[in-house]
C-alpha cells in the first residue's frame, strides 16, 4: 500500500506538472499572438474589430 501511494502521488505530480506546463505554453502562445497583433500596423487590426462589431450592431 505505501508503494502504491507513493507511485500514485508521483504520477499525480507528473500529471499536474504536465498540465501546468501545457497551461504555461498556451499562455505564452496567447501572449505571443497578442504581442504580434499589437506589433502589426493598426490598419491590419481594424478590419477584425469592425467584423467583430458589425454582427453585434446588426443583431
N, C-alpha and C. Protein backbone atom coordinates (compact mmCIF):
# COMPACT_ATOMS: atom_id res chain seq x y z
N UNK A 1 0.82 -1.21 0.00
CA UNK A 1 0.00 0.00 0.00
C UNK A 1 0.86 1.27 0.00
N UNK A 2 1.90 1.32 0.86
CA UNK A 2 2.72 2.55 0.82
C UNK A 2 3.34 2.78 -0.55
N UNK A 3 3.79 1.69 -1.19
CA UNK A 3 4.39 1.83 -2.52
C UNK A 3 3.36 2.36 -3.51
N UNK A 4 2.15 1.82 -3.44
CA UNK A 4 1.10 2.27 -4.36
C UNK A 4 0.81 3.75 -4.12
N UNK A 5 0.80 4.15 -2.85
CA UNK A 5 0.52 5.56 -2.54
C UNK A 5 1.61 6.47 -3.10
N UNK A 6 2.88 6.08 -2.92
CA UNK A 6 3.96 6.92 -3.43
C UNK A 6 3.93 6.95 -4.95
N UNK A 7 3.64 5.80 -5.57
CA UNK A 7 3.54 5.77 -7.03
C UNK A 7 2.40 6.67 -7.49
N UNK A 8 1.27 6.60 -6.79
CA UNK A 8 0.12 7.44 -7.16
C UNK A 8 0.45 8.91 -7.05
N UNK A 9 1.13 9.28 -5.96
CA UNK A 9 1.48 10.70 -5.79
C UNK A 9 2.48 11.12 -6.86
N UNK A 10 3.43 10.24 -7.19
CA UNK A 10 4.42 10.58 -8.22
C UNK A 10 3.72 10.79 -9.56
N UNK A 11 2.81 9.88 -9.90
CA UNK A 11 2.08 10.00 -11.18
C UNK A 11 1.23 11.28 -11.15
N UNK A 12 0.60 11.55 -9.99
CA UNK A 12 -0.21 12.75 -9.88
C UNK A 12 0.64 14.00 -10.04
N UNK A 13 1.82 14.01 -9.44
CA UNK A 13 2.71 15.17 -9.57
C UNK A 13 3.13 15.34 -11.02
N UNK A 14 3.44 14.24 -11.69
CA UNK A 14 3.82 14.33 -13.10
C UNK A 14 2.65 14.87 -13.94
N UNK A 15 1.43 14.41 -13.63
CA UNK A 15 0.26 14.85 -14.40
C UNK A 15 0.03 16.34 -14.17
N UNK A 16 0.08 16.77 -12.90
CA UNK A 16 -0.14 18.18 -12.61
C UNK A 16 0.96 19.02 -13.25
N UNK A 17 2.21 18.52 -13.21
CA UNK A 17 3.31 19.23 -13.84
C UNK A 17 3.07 19.39 -15.33
N UNK A 18 2.62 18.32 -15.97
CA UNK A 18 2.34 18.38 -17.41
C UNK A 18 1.24 19.40 -17.70
N UNK A 19 0.19 19.38 -16.85
CA UNK A 19 -0.91 20.33 -17.05
C UNK A 19 -0.40 21.76 -16.88
N UNK A 20 0.44 21.98 -15.85
CA UNK A 20 0.97 23.32 -15.63
C UNK A 20 1.83 23.75 -16.81
N UNK A 21 2.64 22.84 -17.33
CA UNK A 21 3.48 23.17 -18.49
C UNK A 21 2.60 23.49 -19.69
N UNK A 22 1.54 22.69 -19.90
CA UNK A 22 0.64 22.94 -21.03
C UNK A 22 -0.02 24.31 -20.89
N UNK A 23 -0.48 24.62 -19.67
CA UNK A 23 -1.11 25.93 -19.44
C UNK A 23 -0.10 27.04 -19.70
N UNK A 24 1.14 26.84 -19.25
CA UNK A 24 2.18 27.84 -19.48
C UNK A 24 2.46 28.04 -20.96
N UNK A 25 2.54 26.92 -21.70
CA UNK A 25 2.81 27.02 -23.14
C UNK A 25 1.66 27.74 -23.84
N UNK A 26 0.42 27.37 -23.47
CA UNK A 26 -0.75 28.01 -24.09
C UNK A 26 -0.76 29.51 -23.75
N UNK A 27 -0.47 29.82 -22.48
CA UNK A 27 -0.44 31.23 -22.08
C UNK A 27 0.64 32.00 -22.83
N UNK A 28 1.81 31.38 -22.98
CA UNK A 28 2.89 32.05 -23.70
C UNK A 28 2.51 32.24 -25.17
N UNK A 29 1.88 31.23 -25.76
CA UNK A 29 1.46 31.36 -27.15
C UNK A 29 0.41 32.46 -27.32
N UNK A 30 -0.54 32.53 -26.39
CA UNK A 30 -1.55 33.57 -26.47
C UNK A 30 -0.91 34.94 -26.30
N UNK A 31 0.04 35.05 -25.37
CA UNK A 31 0.72 36.32 -25.16
C UNK A 31 1.52 36.71 -26.41
N UNK A 32 2.16 35.71 -27.03
CA UNK A 32 2.92 35.99 -28.24
C UNK A 32 1.99 36.46 -29.35
N UNK A 33 0.84 35.80 -29.53
CA UNK A 33 -0.10 36.20 -30.57
C UNK A 33 -0.61 37.61 -30.30
N UNK A 34 -0.96 37.90 -29.04
CA UNK A 34 -1.44 39.24 -28.70
C UNK A 34 -0.35 40.27 -28.97
N UNK A 35 0.91 39.94 -28.61
CA UNK A 35 2.01 40.89 -28.83
C UNK A 35 2.21 41.12 -30.32
N UNK A 36 2.11 40.03 -31.13
CA UNK A 36 2.28 40.18 -32.57
C UNK A 36 1.15 41.04 -33.15
N UNK A 37 -0.07 40.85 -32.66
CA UNK A 37 -1.19 41.67 -33.14
C UNK A 37 -0.95 43.13 -32.80
N UNK A 38 -0.43 43.39 -31.59
CA UNK A 38 -0.15 44.78 -31.21
C UNK A 38 0.99 45.34 -32.05
N UNK A 39 1.96 44.49 -32.39
CA UNK A 39 3.12 44.95 -33.15
C UNK A 39 2.75 45.25 -34.61
N UNK A 40 1.73 44.57 -35.12
CA UNK A 40 1.32 44.79 -36.50
C UNK A 40 0.80 46.23 -36.68
N UNK A 41 0.89 46.76 -37.89
CA UNK A 41 0.27 48.07 -38.16
C UNK A 41 -1.21 48.02 -37.86
N UNK A 42 -1.74 49.14 -37.37
CA UNK A 42 -3.11 49.13 -36.86
C UNK A 42 -4.13 48.99 -37.99
N UNK A 43 -3.77 49.28 -39.22
CA UNK A 43 -4.73 49.08 -40.32
C UNK A 43 -5.05 47.60 -40.47
N UNK A 44 -4.13 46.71 -40.05
CA UNK A 44 -4.38 45.28 -40.13
C UNK A 44 -5.36 44.81 -39.06
N UNK A 45 -5.39 45.50 -37.91
CA UNK A 45 -6.27 45.05 -36.84
C UNK A 45 -7.65 45.70 -36.95
N UNK A 46 -7.76 46.83 -37.63
CA UNK A 46 -9.07 47.50 -37.70
C UNK A 46 -10.15 46.65 -38.38
N UNK A 47 -9.88 45.99 -39.52
CA UNK A 47 -10.95 45.18 -40.14
C UNK A 47 -11.47 44.10 -39.20
N UNK A 48 -10.59 43.50 -38.39
CA UNK A 48 -11.05 42.47 -37.46
C UNK A 48 -12.01 43.09 -36.46
N UNK A 49 -11.69 44.29 -35.97
CA UNK A 49 -12.56 44.91 -34.98
C UNK A 49 -13.92 45.25 -35.60
N UNK A 50 -13.93 45.76 -36.83
CA UNK A 50 -15.21 46.10 -37.47
C UNK A 50 -16.01 44.82 -37.73
N UNK A 51 -15.32 43.74 -38.14
CA UNK A 51 -16.01 42.47 -38.37
C UNK A 51 -16.65 41.99 -37.06
N UNK A 52 -15.95 42.19 -35.95
CA UNK A 52 -16.50 41.76 -34.66
C UNK A 52 -17.64 42.68 -34.24
N UNK A 53 -17.54 43.97 -34.56
CA UNK A 53 -18.56 44.92 -34.10
C UNK A 53 -19.83 44.85 -34.94
N UNK A 54 -19.68 44.64 -36.26
CA UNK A 54 -20.86 44.72 -37.13
C UNK A 54 -21.95 43.72 -36.76
N UNK A 55 -21.63 42.43 -36.54
CA UNK A 55 -22.71 41.49 -36.18
C UNK A 55 -23.41 41.91 -34.88
N UNK A 56 -22.67 42.48 -33.95
CA UNK A 56 -23.28 42.91 -32.68
C UNK A 56 -24.24 44.07 -32.95
N UNK A 57 -23.85 44.96 -33.87
CA UNK A 57 -24.72 46.09 -34.17
C UNK A 57 -25.99 45.63 -34.90
N UNK A 58 -25.83 44.65 -35.80
CA UNK A 58 -26.98 44.18 -36.57
C UNK A 58 -27.96 43.42 -35.70
N UNK A 59 -27.43 42.63 -34.79
CA UNK A 59 -28.33 41.78 -34.01
C UNK A 59 -29.08 42.58 -32.95
